[in-house]
Amino acid sequence: MSYTGPGFDPPQPRRSRRGPLTVALVALVPGALLGWAVYAAVGGSGGDEGAGSAAASPSPSASASASASSRTSSPAPSASSEDEKPSASASADGPLKGKVVVIDPGHNPENFKHTAEINRQVDIGTNRKECDTTGTSTDDGYAEADFTLDVAHRMRALLEKQGATVKLTQDGDRPFGPCVDERARIGNRAKADAVVSIHADGSGTGNRGFHVILPGAVRAGAADTRAIVEPSGDLGTRIAGNFVRVTGSAPSNYVGGGTGLVTRKDLGGLNLSTVPKVFIECGNMRDSKDAALLTSGAWRQKAAQGISDGIVSFLRG
């Protein structure tokens, strides 16, 4: 997924007044970054190895070609014993009993076959954008849409064990999409306590790390995010901190100023949400070192655990 475009808002300077979200940011993110520093010092992988240059995101046509290529040339990484997904066994009496979590696996493995449908413009409140996109892929052809579904399945199993009711916006069970506006409505209709959209970026080589995308304050057309900005910020901050802790991956070296947090107002999935929601770009598929992580089943399990731990932390207050 691309992180640039009209309406992109770089992180804003923090205000001096320390509200609940500011306190959460101060408490969680520095601790997470300290955890990353310790991990890197003892030889962990997935770190920030140099200052990033200006972001170089592929064009939609390039992304489409890459995704289509993944279906015709290179298969997804084969599973091994370390790739086994945990079985989903919901615990009716778990700590998240009564909580609803919606997981939004970005894109769709079959989108590249339906270019006319996914290029259809939909209303996102602030303007109109494509229904959906193909997503990106690694140089070896592992598609973002396959990555997001795999992580979503792992998260579902983990969260169901905590007692949560978990719904996916798509499970590879439809020919394309859903469109970004429908993805938002699925979370809204479910009255979700938290929604997380899973992605992996397609930036330039040398750009590494993850970032969590938070909704900005938007009031335009069908969009009004004012009520969800603060809780979404809390959700995103907790996910960022736990993602660092569990995966050992560093916050992005090319966006977010080292915080792993970015605010945007141009994403329909956020603009049209009426419940707490964030996106996470788990790494850069176009960087070979990040790609090595994203294609590892063991690392994807850690990613699912880190994101899930952040959700649990948010839902338990």
C-alpha atoms as a PDB file:
ATOM      1  CA  MET A   1       0.000   0.000   0.000  1.00  0.00           C
ATOM      2  CA  SER A   2       1.262   3.493  -0.800  1.00  0.00           C
ATOM      3  CA  TYR A   3       1.711   5.970   2.038  1.00  0.00           C
ATOM      4  CA  THR A   4       1.728   9.150  -0.046  1.00  0.00           C
ATOM      5  CA  GLY A   5      -0.942  10.999  -1.961  1.00  0.00           C
ATOM      6  CA  PRO A   6      -3.374  13.914  -1.765  1.00  0.00           C
ATOM      7  CA  GLY A   7      -4.355  14.739   1.762  1.00  0.00           C
ATOM      8  CA  PHE A   8      -1.340  13.020   3.328  1.00  0.00           C
ATOM      9  CA  ASP A   9      -0.570  14.686   6.618  1.00  0.00           C
ATOM     10  CA  PRO A  10       2.860  14.301   8.171  1.00  0.00           C
ATOM     11  CA  PRO A  11       2.860  13.878  11.941  1.00  0.00           C
ATOM     12  CA  GLN A  12       1.989  17.155  13.651  1.00  0.00           C
ATOM     13  CA  PRO A  13       3.941  18.633  16.579  1.00  0.00           C
ATOM     14  CA  ARG A  14       2.513  17.491  19.861  1.00  0.00           C
ATOM     15  CA  ARG A  15       0.579  20.006  21.898  1.00  0.00           C
ATOM     16  CA  SER A  16       1.832  20.905  25.321  1.00  0.00           C
ATOM     17  CA  ARG A  17      -1.439  19.945  27.022  1.00  0.00           C
ATOM     18  CA  ARG A  18      -1.122  16.330  28.165  1.00  0.00           C
ATOM     19  CA  GLY A  19      -4.435  14.631  27.493  1.00  0.00           C
ATOM     20  CA  PRO A  20      -5.005  10.863  27.759  1.00  0.00           C
ATOM     21  CA  LEU A  21      -3.657  10.188  24.259  1.00  0.00           C
ATOM     22  CA  THR A  22      -0.533  12.247  24.881  1.00  0.00           C
ATOM     23  CA  VAL A  23       0.109  10.342  28.094  1.00  0.00           C
ATOM     24  CA  ALA A  24      -0.306   7.073  26.221  1.00  0.00           C
ATOM     25  CA  LEU A  25       2.132   8.197  23.550  1.00  0.00           C
ATOM     26  CA  VAL A  26       4.696   9.237  26.126  1.00  0.00           C
ATOM     27  CA  ALA A  27       4.306   5.993  28.062  1.00  0.00           C
ATOM     28  CA  LEU A  28       4.190   3.459  25.243  1.00  0.00           C
ATOM     29  CA  VAL A  29       6.168   4.605  22.233  1.00  0.00           C
ATOM     30  CA  PRO A  30       9.459   5.512  23.963  1.00  0.00           C
ATOM     31  CA  GLY A  31       9.317   2.203  25.831  1.00  0.00           C
ATOM     32  CA  ALA A  32       8.794   0.396  22.564  1.00  0.00           C
ATOM     33  CA  LEU A  33      11.687   2.217  20.946  1.00  0.00           C
ATOM     34  CA  LEU A  34      13.887   1.375  23.929  1.00  0.00           C
ATOM     35  CA  GLY A  35      12.883  -2.246  23.445  1.00  0.00           C
ATOM     36  CA  TRP A  36      13.929  -1.990  19.806  1.00  0.00           C
ATOM     37  CA  ALA A  37      17.305  -0.479  20.752  1.00  0.00           C
ATOM     38  CA  VAL A  38      18.024  -3.345  23.139  1.00  0.00           C
ATOM     39  CA  TYR A  39      16.955  -5.895  20.532  1.00  0.00           C
ATOM     40  CA  ALA A  40      19.150  -4.341  17.834  1.00  0.00           C
ATOM     41  CA  ALA A  41      22.124  -4.184  20.185  1.00  0.00           C
ATOM     42  CA  VAL A  42      22.058  -7.928  20.712  1.00  0.00           C
ATOM     43  CA  GLY A  43      21.897  -8.695  17.007  1.00  0.00           C
ATOM     44  CA  GLY A  44      18.174  -8.735  16.178  1.00  0.00           C
ATOM     45  CA  SER A  45      16.997  -8.452  12.585  1.00  0.00           C
ATOM     46  CA  GLY A  46      14.494  -6.102  11.005  1.00  0.00           C
ATOM     47  CA  GLY A  47      16.101  -2.877  12.146  1.00  0.00           C
ATOM     48  CA  ASP A  48      16.587   0.590  10.750  1.00  0.00           C
ATOM     49  CA  GLU A  49      20.009   0.439   9.081  1.00  0.00           C
ATOM     50  CA  GLY A  50      20.239   3.889   7.651  1.00  0.00           C
ATOM     51  CA  ALA A  51      18.468   7.146   6.962  1.00  0.00           C
ATOM     52  CA  GLY A  52      15.764   6.787   4.355  1.00  0.00           C
ATOM     53  CA  SER A  53      15.554   8.951   1.268  1.00  0.00           C
ATOM     54  CA  ALA A  54      12.355  10.452  -0.064  1.00  0.00           C
ATOM     55  CA  ALA A  55       9.707   7.785  -0.466  1.00  0.00           C
ATOM     56  CA  ALA A  56       9.362   6.180  -3.876  1.00  0.00           C
ATOM     57  CA  SER A  57       6.005   4.441  -4.076  1.00  0.00           C
ATOM     58  CA  PRO A  58       5.143   2.440  -7.193  1.00  0.00           C
ATOM     59  CA  SER A  59       2.435   3.633  -9.563  1.00  0.00           C
ATOM     60  CA  PRO A  60      -0.941   1.836  -9.571  1.00  0.00           C
ATOM     61  CA  SER A  61      -0.050   0.188 -12.861  1.00  0.00           C
ATOM     62  CA  ALA A  62       3.254  -1.046 -11.467  1.00  0.00           C
ATOM     63  CA  SER A  63       1.478  -2.462  -8.435  1.00  0.00           C
ATOM     64  CA  ALA A  64      -1.051  -4.189 -10.660  1.00  0.00           C
ATOM     65  CA  SER A  65       1.705  -5.800 -12.714  1.00  0.00           C
ATOM     66  CA  ALA A  66       3.531  -6.943  -9.604  1.00  0.00           C
ATOM     67  CA  SER A  67       0.395  -8.469  -8.115  1.00  0.00           C
ATOM     68  CA  ALA A  68      -0.566 -10.204 -11.333  1.00  0.00           C
ATOM     69  CA  SER A  69       2.977 -11.527 -11.624  1.00  0.00           C
ATOM     70  CA  SER A  70       2.611 -13.170  -8.230  1.00  0.00           C
ATOM     71  CA  ARG A  71      -0.180 -15.338  -9.649  1.00  0.00           C
ATOM     72  CA  THR A  72       1.729 -16.474 -12.713  1.00  0.00           C
ATOM     73  CA  SER A  73       5.385 -16.756 -11.798  1.00  0.00           C
ATOM     74  CA  SER A  74       6.351 -17.073  -8.140  1.00  0.00           C
ATOM     75  CA  PRO A  75       4.116 -18.887  -5.666  1.00  0.00           C
ATOM     76  CA  ALA A  76       3.665 -17.750  -2.091  1.00  0.00           C
ATOM     77  CA  PRO A  77       6.333 -19.000   0.321  1.00  0.00           C
ATOM     78  CA  SER A  78       5.735 -22.648   1.132  1.00  0.00           C
ATOM     79  CA  ALA A  79       4.605 -23.560   4.608  1.00  0.00           C
ATOM     80  CA  SER A  80       6.841 -25.335   7.063  1.00  0.00           C
ATOM     81  CA  SER A  81       6.334 -26.454  10.634  1.00  0.00           C
ATOM     82  CA  GLU A  82       7.062 -22.918  11.833  1.00  0.00           C
ATOM     83  CA  ASP A  83       4.363 -21.579   9.468  1.00  0.00           C
ATOM     84  CA  GLU A  84       1.492 -23.511  11.003  1.00  0.00           C
ATOM     85  CA  LYS A  85      -1.384 -21.260  11.987  1.00  0.00           C
ATOM     86  CA  PRO A  86      -2.832 -21.792  15.445  1.00  0.00           C
ATOM     87  CA  SER A  87      -6.298 -23.344  15.442  1.00  0.00           C
ATOM     88  CA  ALA A  88      -9.164 -21.007  16.192  1.00  0.00           C
ATOM     89  CA  SER A  89     -10.811 -21.993  19.465  1.00  0.00           C
ATOM     90  CA  ALA A  90     -12.804 -19.135  20.923  1.00  0.00           C
ATOM     91  CA  SER A  91     -12.958 -18.927  24.695  1.00  0.00           C
ATOM     92  CA  ALA A  92     -16.450 -17.840  25.702  1.00  0.00           C
ATOM     93  CA  ASP A  93     -15.179 -16.735  29.104  1.00  0.00           C
ATOM     94  CA  GLY A  94     -11.974 -15.026  27.961  1.00  0.00           C
ATOM     95  CA  PRO A  95     -11.029 -11.463  28.941  1.00  0.00           C
ATOM     96  CA  LEU A  96     -12.412 -10.111  25.646  1.00  0.00           C
ATOM     97  CA  LYS A  97     -15.836 -11.729  26.033  1.00  0.00           C
ATOM     98  CA  GLY A  98     -18.427  -9.381  24.510  1.00  0.00           C
ATOM     99  CA  LYS A  99     -15.860  -7.431  22.474  1.00  0.00           C
ATOM    100  CA  VAL A 100     -16.077  -7.286  18.687  1.00  0.00           C
ATOM    101  CA  VAL A 101     -12.920  -6.943  16.605  1.00  0.00           C
ATOM    102  CA  VAL A 102     -12.997  -6.449  12.844  1.00  0.00           C
ATOM    103  CA  ILE A 103      -9.842  -7.341  10.915  1.00  0.00           C
ATOM    104  CA  ASP A 104      -9.543  -5.819   7.456  1.00  0.00           C
ATOM    105  CA  PRO A 105      -7.055  -7.778   5.288  1.00  0.00           C
ATOM    106  CA  GLY A 106      -5.916  -5.192   2.747  1.00  0.00           C
ATOM    107  CA  HIS A 107      -6.752  -5.716  -0.941  1.00  0.00           C
ATOM    108  CA  ASN A 108      -7.885  -9.097  -2.321  1.00  0.00           C
ATOM    109  CA  PRO A 109      -5.876 -11.888  -3.990  1.00  0.00           C
ATOM    110  CA  GLU A 110      -8.150 -11.717  -7.062  1.00  0.00           C
ATOM    111  CA  ASN A 111      -8.274  -7.923  -7.488  1.00  0.00           C
ATOM    112  CA  PHE A 112      -5.860  -8.013 -10.419  1.00  0.00           C
ATOM    113  CA  LYS A 113      -8.457  -9.949 -12.433  1.00  0.00           C
ATOM    114  CA  HIS A 114     -11.078  -7.234 -11.917  1.00  0.00           C
ATOM    115  CA  THR A 115      -9.410  -3.971 -12.865  1.00  0.00           C
ATOM    116  CA  ALA A 116     -12.600  -2.311 -14.133  1.00  0.00           C
ATOM    117  CA  GLU A 117     -14.441  -3.041 -10.904  1.00  0.00           C
ATOM    118  CA  ILE A 118     -11.672  -1.953  -8.542  1.00  0.00           C
ATOM    119  CA  ASN A 119     -10.967   1.211 -10.539  1.00  0.00           C
ATOM    120  CA  ARG A 120     -14.556   2.388 -10.048  1.00  0.00           C
ATOM    121  CA  GLN A 121     -14.617   5.617  -8.041  1.00  0.00           C
ATOM    122  CA  VAL A 122     -16.294   5.670  -4.628  1.00  0.00           C
ATOM    123  CA  ASP A 123     -17.052   8.506  -2.233  1.00  0.00           C
ATOM    124  CA  ILE A 124     -14.676   8.734   0.746  1.00  0.00           C
ATOM    125  CA  GLY A 125     -16.114  11.939   2.174  1.00  0.00           C
ATOM    126  CA  THR A 126     -13.269  14.284   1.279  1.00  0.00           C
ATOM    127  CA  ASN A 127     -13.209  13.244  -2.394  1.00  0.00           C
ATOM    128  CA  ARG A 128     -13.546  10.179  -4.604  1.00  0.00           C
ATOM    129  CA  LYS A 129     -11.014   7.366  -4.942  1.00  0.00           C
ATOM    130  CA  GLU A 130     -10.691   3.935  -6.502  1.00  0.00           C
ATOM    131  CA  CYS A 131     -12.851   1.182  -5.024  1.00  0.00           C
ATOM    132  CA  ASP A 132      -9.697  -0.782  -4.188  1.00  0.00           C
ATOM    133  CA  THR A 133      -6.223  -1.500  -5.561  1.00  0.00           C
ATOM    134  CA  THR A 134      -4.199  -4.617  -6.274  1.00  0.00           C
ATOM    135  CA  GLY A 135      -1.665  -3.877  -3.553  1.00  0.00           C
ATOM    136  CA  THR A 136       2.041  -4.498  -3.970  1.00  0.00           C
ATOM    137  CA  SER A 137       4.320  -7.566  -3.808  1.00  0.00           C
ATOM    138  CA  THR A 138       7.875  -8.586  -3.047  1.00  0.00           C
ATOM    139  CA  ASP A 139      10.359  -8.773  -5.928  1.00  0.00           C
ATOM    140  CA  ASP A 140       9.905 -12.553  -5.803  1.00  0.00           C
ATOM    141  CA  GLY A 141       6.160 -12.243  -6.337  1.00  0.00           C
ATOM    142  CA  TYR A 142       4.693 -12.715  -2.848  1.00  0.00           C
ATOM    143  CA  ALA A 143       1.563 -10.573  -2.976  1.00  0.00           C
ATOM    144  CA  GLU A 144       0.521  -8.131  -0.284  1.00  0.00           C
ATOM    145  CA  ALA A 145      -3.020  -9.562  -0.485  1.00  0.00           C
ATOM    146  CA  ASP A 146      -1.686 -13.020   0.445  1.00  0.00           C
ATOM    147  CA  PHE A 147       0.336 -11.546   3.301  1.00  0.00           C
ATOM    148  CA  THR A 148      -2.615  -9.624   4.742  1.00  0.00           C
ATOM    149  CA  LEU A 149      -4.912 -12.654   4.692  1.00  0.00           C
ATOM    150  CA  ASP A 150      -2.315 -14.837   6.384  1.00  0.00           C
ATOM    151  CA  VAL A 151      -1.733 -12.334   9.186  1.00  0.00           C
ATOM    152  CA  ALA A 152      -5.500 -11.808   9.555  1.00  0.00           C
ATOM    153  CA  HIS A 153      -6.067 -15.549  10.012  1.00  0.00           C
ATOM    154  CA  ARG A 154      -3.361 -15.727  12.663  1.00  0.00           C
ATOM    155  CA  MET A 155      -4.825 -12.699  14.466  1.00  0.00           C
ATOM    156  CA  ARG A 156      -8.325 -14.160  14.381  1.00  0.00           C
ATOM    157  CA  ALA A 157      -7.135 -17.337  16.097  1.00  0.00           C
ATOM    158  CA  LEU A 158      -5.268 -15.377  18.776  1.00  0.00           C
ATOM    159  CA  LEU A 159      -8.137 -12.986  19.511  1.00  0.00           C
ATOM    160  CA  GLU A 160     -10.798 -15.702  19.539  1.00  0.00           C
ATOM    161  CA  LYS A 161      -8.767 -17.497  22.199  1.00  0.00           C
ATOM    162  CA  GLN A 162      -9.144 -14.317  24.260  1.00  0.00           C
ATOM    163  CA  GLY A 163     -12.930 -14.531  23.900  1.00  0.00           C
ATOM    164  CA  ALA A 164     -13.406 -11.826  21.257  1.00  0.00           C
ATOM    165  CA  THR A 165     -15.901 -12.058  18.429  1.00  0.00           C
ATOM    166  CA  VAL A 166     -13.768 -11.583  15.304  1.00  0.00           C
ATOM    167  CA  LYS A 167     -15.022 -10.659  11.837  1.00  0.00           C
ATOM    168  CA  LEU A 168     -13.022 -10.260   8.620  1.00  0.00           C
ATOM    169  CA  THR A 169     -14.000  -7.786   5.918  1.00  0.00           C
ATOM    170  CA  GLN A 170     -12.993 -10.416   3.356  1.00  0.00           C
ATOM    171  CA  ASP A 171     -11.571 -13.905   3.576  1.00  0.00           C
ATOM    172  CA  GLY A 172     -10.567 -14.586  -0.022  1.00  0.00           C
ATOM    173  CA  ASP A 173     -14.222 -15.529  -0.504  1.00  0.00           C
ATOM    174  CA  ARG A 174     -15.240 -12.894  -3.035  1.00  0.00           C
ATOM    175  CA  PRO A 175     -14.019 -12.081  -6.552  1.00  0.00           C
ATOM    176  CA  PHE A 176     -12.667  -8.632  -5.656  1.00  0.00           C
ATOM    177  CA  GLY A 177     -12.746  -5.942  -2.991  1.00  0.00           C
ATOM    178  CA  PRO A 178     -14.672  -5.033  -0.972  1.00  0.00           C
ATOM    179  CA  CYS A 179     -14.421  -1.368  -1.881  1.00  0.00           C
ATOM    180  CA  VAL A 180     -12.873   0.907   0.711  1.00  0.00           C
ATOM    181  CA  ASP A 181     -16.214   2.478   1.625  1.00  0.00           C
ATOM    182  CA  GLU A 182     -17.766  -0.957   2.180  1.00  0.00           C
ATOM    183  CA  ARG A 183     -14.796  -1.997   4.330  1.00  0.00           C
ATOM    184  CA  ALA A 184     -15.587   0.937   6.621  1.00  0.00           C
ATOM    185  CA  ARG A 185     -19.294   0.078   6.707  1.00  0.00           C
ATOM    186  CA  ILE A 186     -18.553  -3.524   7.720  1.00  0.00           C
ATOM    187  CA  GLY A 187     -16.820  -2.305  10.877  1.00  0.00           C
ATOM    188  CA  ASN A 188     -19.541   0.256  11.536  1.00  0.00           C
ATOM    189  CA  ARG A 189     -22.383  -2.252  11.144  1.00  0.00           C
ATOM    190  CA  ALA A 190     -20.606  -4.691  13.455  1.00  0.00           C
ATOM    191  CA  LYS A 191     -20.386  -1.939  16.081  1.00  0.00           C
ATOM    192  CA  ALA A 192     -16.772  -3.021  16.407  1.00  0.00           C
ATOM    193  CA  ASP A 193     -14.839  -2.097  19.505  1.00  0.00           C
ATOM    194  CA  ALA A 194     -11.686  -1.980  17.337  1.00  0.00           C
ATOM    195  CA  VAL A 195     -10.889  -2.326  13.646  1.00  0.00           C
ATOM    196  CA  VAL A 196      -7.411  -2.889  12.206  1.00  0.00           C
ATOM    197  CA  SER A 197      -6.597  -2.856   8.504  1.00  0.00           C
ATOM    198  CA  ILE A 198      -3.551  -4.992   7.666  1.00  0.00           C
ATOM    199  CA  HIS A 199      -1.145  -3.907   4.911  1.00  0.00           C
ATOM    200  CA  ALA A 200       2.469  -4.027   3.732  1.00  0.00           C
ATOM    201  CA  ASP A 201       4.034  -1.078   1.930  1.00  0.00           C
ATOM    202  CA  GLY A 202       5.577  -0.804  -1.531  1.00  0.00           C
ATOM    203  CA  SER A 203       8.208   1.891  -1.070  1.00  0.00           C
ATOM    204  CA  GLY A 204      11.777   2.191  -2.315  1.00  0.00           C
ATOM    205  CA  THR A 205      14.733  -0.045  -1.478  1.00  0.00           C
ATOM    206  CA  GLY A 206      16.349   0.980   1.794  1.00  0.00           C
ATOM    207  CA  ASN A 207      13.057   2.209   3.221  1.00  0.00           C
ATOM    208  CA  ARG A 208      12.351  -0.142   6.108  1.00  0.00           C
ATOM    209  CA  GLY A 209      10.182  -0.657   9.135  1.00  0.00           C
ATOM    210  CA  PHE A 210       6.496  -0.511  10.053  1.00  0.00           C
ATOM    211  CA  HIS A 211       4.124   2.352  10.622  1.00  0.00           C
ATOM    212  CA  VAL A 212       0.605   2.641  12.018  1.00  0.00           C
ATOM    213  CA  ILE A 213      -1.752   5.027  10.225  1.00  0.00           C
ATOM    214  CA  LEU A 214      -4.181   7.002  12.397  1.00  0.00           C
ATOM    215  CA  PRO A 215      -7.275   8.896  11.223  1.00  0.00           C
ATOM    216  CA  GLY A 216      -7.062  12.669  11.124  1.00  0.00           C
ATOM    217  CA  ALA A 217      -9.983  14.884  12.088  1.00  0.00           C
ATOM    218  CA  VAL A 218     -12.231  14.979   9.013  1.00  0.00           C
ATOM    219  CA  ARG A 219     -15.703  16.435   8.616  1.00  0.00           C
ATOM    220  CA  ALA A 220     -16.750  16.418   4.977  1.00  0.00           C
ATOM    221  CA  GLY A 221     -19.608  14.793   3.109  1.00  0.00           C
ATOM    222  CA  ALA A 222     -20.264  11.365   4.592  1.00  0.00           C
ATOM    223  CA  ALA A 223     -17.082  11.511   6.680  1.00  0.00           C
ATOM    224  CA  ASP A 224     -16.922  12.643  10.285  1.00  0.00           C
ATOM    225  CA  THR A 225     -14.009  11.167  12.240  1.00  0.00           C
ATOM    226  CA  ARG A 226     -13.959  13.612  15.143  1.00  0.00           C
ATOM    227  CA  ALA A 227     -15.357  11.101  17.646  1.00  0.00           C
ATOM    228  CA  ILE A 228     -12.859   8.353  16.745  1.00  0.00           C
ATOM    229  CA  VAL A 229      -9.616  10.336  16.473  1.00  0.00           C
ATOM    230  CA  GLU A 230      -8.653  10.015  20.151  1.00  0.00           C
ATOM    231  CA  PRO A 231      -9.566   6.330  20.715  1.00  0.00           C
ATOM    232  CA  SER A 232      -7.999   5.406  17.364  1.00  0.00           C
ATOM    233  CA  GLY A 233      -4.823   7.177  18.429  1.00  0.00           C
ATOM    234  CA  ASP A 234      -4.800   5.144  21.640  1.00  0.00           C
ATOM    235  CA  LEU A 235      -5.383   1.917  19.691  1.00  0.00           C
ATOM    236  CA  GLY A 236      -2.618   2.743  17.198  1.00  0.00           C
ATOM    237  CA  THR A 237      -0.124   3.701  19.874  1.00  0.00           C
ATOM    238  CA  ARG A 238      -0.665   0.444  21.752  1.00  0.00           C
ATOM    239  CA  ILE A 239      -0.315  -1.570  18.545  1.00  0.00           C
ATOM    240  CA  ALA A 240       2.920   0.228  17.636  1.00  0.00           C
ATOM    241  CA  GLY A 241       4.437  -0.414  21.060  1.00  0.00           C
ATOM    242  CA  ASN A 242       3.515  -4.087  21.097  1.00  0.00           C
ATOM    243  CA  PHE A 243       4.578  -4.596  17.476  1.00  0.00           C
ATOM    244  CA  VAL A 244       8.095  -3.423  18.336  1.00  0.00           C
ATOM    245  CA  ARG A 245       8.161  -5.520  21.490  1.00  0.00           C
ATOM    246  CA  VAL A 246       7.076  -8.778  19.843  1.00  0.00           C
ATOM    247  CA  THR A 247       8.620  -8.563  16.360  1.00  0.00           C
ATOM    248  CA  GLY A 248      11.777  -6.583  17.093  1.00  0.00           C
ATOM    249  CA  SER A 249      11.072  -4.521  13.955  1.00  0.00           C
ATOM    250  CA  ALA A 250      11.888  -0.834  14.020  1.00  0.00           C
ATOM    251  CA  PRO A 251       9.470   1.987  13.274  1.00  0.00           C
ATOM    252  CA  SER A 252       9.658   3.250   9.698  1.00  0.00           C
ATOM    253  CA  ASN A 253      12.818   5.105   8.692  1.00  0.00           C
ATOM    254  CA  TYR A 254      11.020   6.958   5.878  1.00  0.00           C
ATOM    255  CA  VAL A 255       7.751   8.231   7.338  1.00  0.00           C
ATOM    256  CA  GLY A 256       6.519   9.067  10.835  1.00  0.00           C
ATOM    257  CA  GLY A 257       9.666  10.704  12.192  1.00  0.00           C
ATOM    258  CA  GLY A 258      10.782   7.532  13.979  1.00  0.00           C
ATOM    259  CA  THR A 259       7.552   7.213  15.988  1.00  0.00           C
ATOM    260  CA  GLY A 260       5.910   4.535  13.850  1.00  0.00           C
ATOM    261  CA  LEU A 261       2.775   6.712  13.814  1.00  0.00           C
ATOM    262  CA  VAL A 262       1.370   8.666  10.856  1.00  0.00           C
ATOM    263  CA  THR A 263      -1.878  10.632  10.507  1.00  0.00           C
ATOM    264  CA  ARG A 264      -3.788  10.650   7.211  1.00  0.00           C
ATOM    265  CA  LYS A 265      -7.019  12.149   5.932  1.00  0.00           C
ATOM    266  CA  ASP A 266      -7.119  10.592   2.458  1.00  0.00           C
ATOM    267  CA  LEU A 267      -8.064   6.991   3.264  1.00  0.00           C
ATOM    268  CA  GLY A 268     -11.726   6.067   2.851  1.00  0.00           C
ATOM    269  CA  GLY A 269     -11.389   3.155   5.238  1.00  0.00           C
ATOM    270  CA  LEU A 270     -10.552   5.641   8.005  1.00  0.00           C
ATOM    271  CA  ASN A 271     -12.594   8.650   6.884  1.00  0.00           C
ATOM    272  CA  LEU A 272     -15.864   6.703   6.804  1.00  0.00           C
ATOM    273  CA  SER A 273     -15.325   4.760  10.014  1.00  0.00           C
ATOM    274  CA  THR A 274     -17.489   5.555  13.037  1.00  0.00           C
ATOM    275  CA  VAL A 275     -15.604   3.137  15.317  1.00  0.00           C
ATOM    276  CA  PRO A 276     -11.944   3.158  16.460  1.00  0.00           C
ATOM    277  CA  LYS A 277      -9.820   2.098  13.508  1.00  0.00           C
ATOM    278  CA  VAL A 278      -6.202   2.160  12.323  1.00  0.00           C
ATOM    279  CA  PHE A 279      -4.126   0.772   9.465  1.00  0.00           C
ATOM    280  CA  ILE A 280      -0.745  -0.895   9.936  1.00  0.00           C
ATOM    281  CA  GLU A 281       1.909  -1.164   7.232  1.00  0.00           C
ATOM    282  CA  CYS A 282       3.893  -4.095   8.622  1.00  0.00           C
ATOM    283  CA  GLY A 283       7.004  -3.488   6.511  1.00  0.00           C
ATOM    284  CA  ASN A 284       8.206  -2.614   3.012  1.00  0.00           C
ATOM    285  CA  MET A 285       7.808  -5.456   0.513  1.00  0.00           C
ATOM    286  CA  ARG A 286      10.170  -3.741  -1.925  1.00  0.00           C
ATOM    287  CA  ASP A 287      13.145  -3.822   0.434  1.00  0.00           C
ATOM    288  CA  SER A 288      14.923  -7.178   0.431  1.00  0.00           C
ATOM    289  CA  LYS A 289      15.563  -7.200   4.186  1.00  0.00           C
ATOM    290  CA  ASP A 290      11.971  -6.359   5.070  1.00  0.00           C
ATOM    291  CA  ALA A 291      10.760  -8.813   2.421  1.00  0.00           C
ATOM    292  CA  ALA A 292      12.729 -11.588   4.124  1.00  0.00           C
ATOM    293  CA  LEU A 293      10.698 -10.926   7.263  1.00  0.00           C
ATOM    294  CA  LEU A 294       7.332 -10.564   5.547  1.00  0.00           C
ATOM    295  CA  THR A 295       7.771 -13.893   3.736  1.00  0.00           C
ATOM    296  CA  SER A 296       8.673 -15.750   6.934  1.00  0.00           C
ATOM    297  CA  GLY A 297       5.826 -17.651   8.572  1.00  0.00           C
ATOM    298  CA  ALA A 298       7.525 -17.380  11.956  1.00  0.00           C
ATOM    299  CA  TRP A 299       7.776 -13.595  11.616  1.00  0.00           C
ATOM    300  CA  ARG A 300       4.171 -13.285  10.432  1.00  0.00           C
ATOM    301  CA  GLN A 301       3.117 -15.103  13.594  1.00  0.00           C
ATOM    302  CA  LYS A 302       5.037 -12.528  15.623  1.00  0.00           C
ATOM    303  CA  ALA A 303       3.400  -9.719  13.644  1.00  0.00           C
ATOM    304  CA  ALA A 304      -0.036 -11.180  14.351  1.00  0.00           C
ATOM    305  CA  GLN A 305       0.850 -11.517  18.043  1.00  0.00           C
ATOM    306  CA  GLY A 306       2.134  -7.950  18.308  1.00  0.00           C
ATOM    307  CA  ILE A 307      -0.923  -6.446  16.634  1.00  0.00           C
ATOM    308  CA  SER A 308      -3.269  -8.635  18.673  1.00  0.00           C
ATOM    309  CA  ASP A 309      -1.518  -7.716  21.919  1.00  0.00           C
ATOM    310  CA  GLY A 310      -2.024  -4.051  21.051  1.00  0.00           C
ATOM    311  CA  ILE A 311      -5.732  -4.648  20.455  1.00  0.00           C
ATOM    312  CA  VAL A 312      -6.067  -6.554  23.736  1.00  0.00           C
ATOM    313  CA  SER A 313      -4.292  -3.752  25.595  1.00  0.00           C
ATOM    314  CA  PHE A 314      -6.667  -1.195  24.061  1.00  0.00           C
ATOM    315  CA  LEU A 315      -9.811  -3.179  24.751  1.00  0.00           C
ATOM    316  CA  ARG A 316      -8.838  -3.866  28.358  1.00  0.00           C
ATOM    317  CA  GLY A 317      -8.116  -0.178  28.917  1.00  0.00           C
END
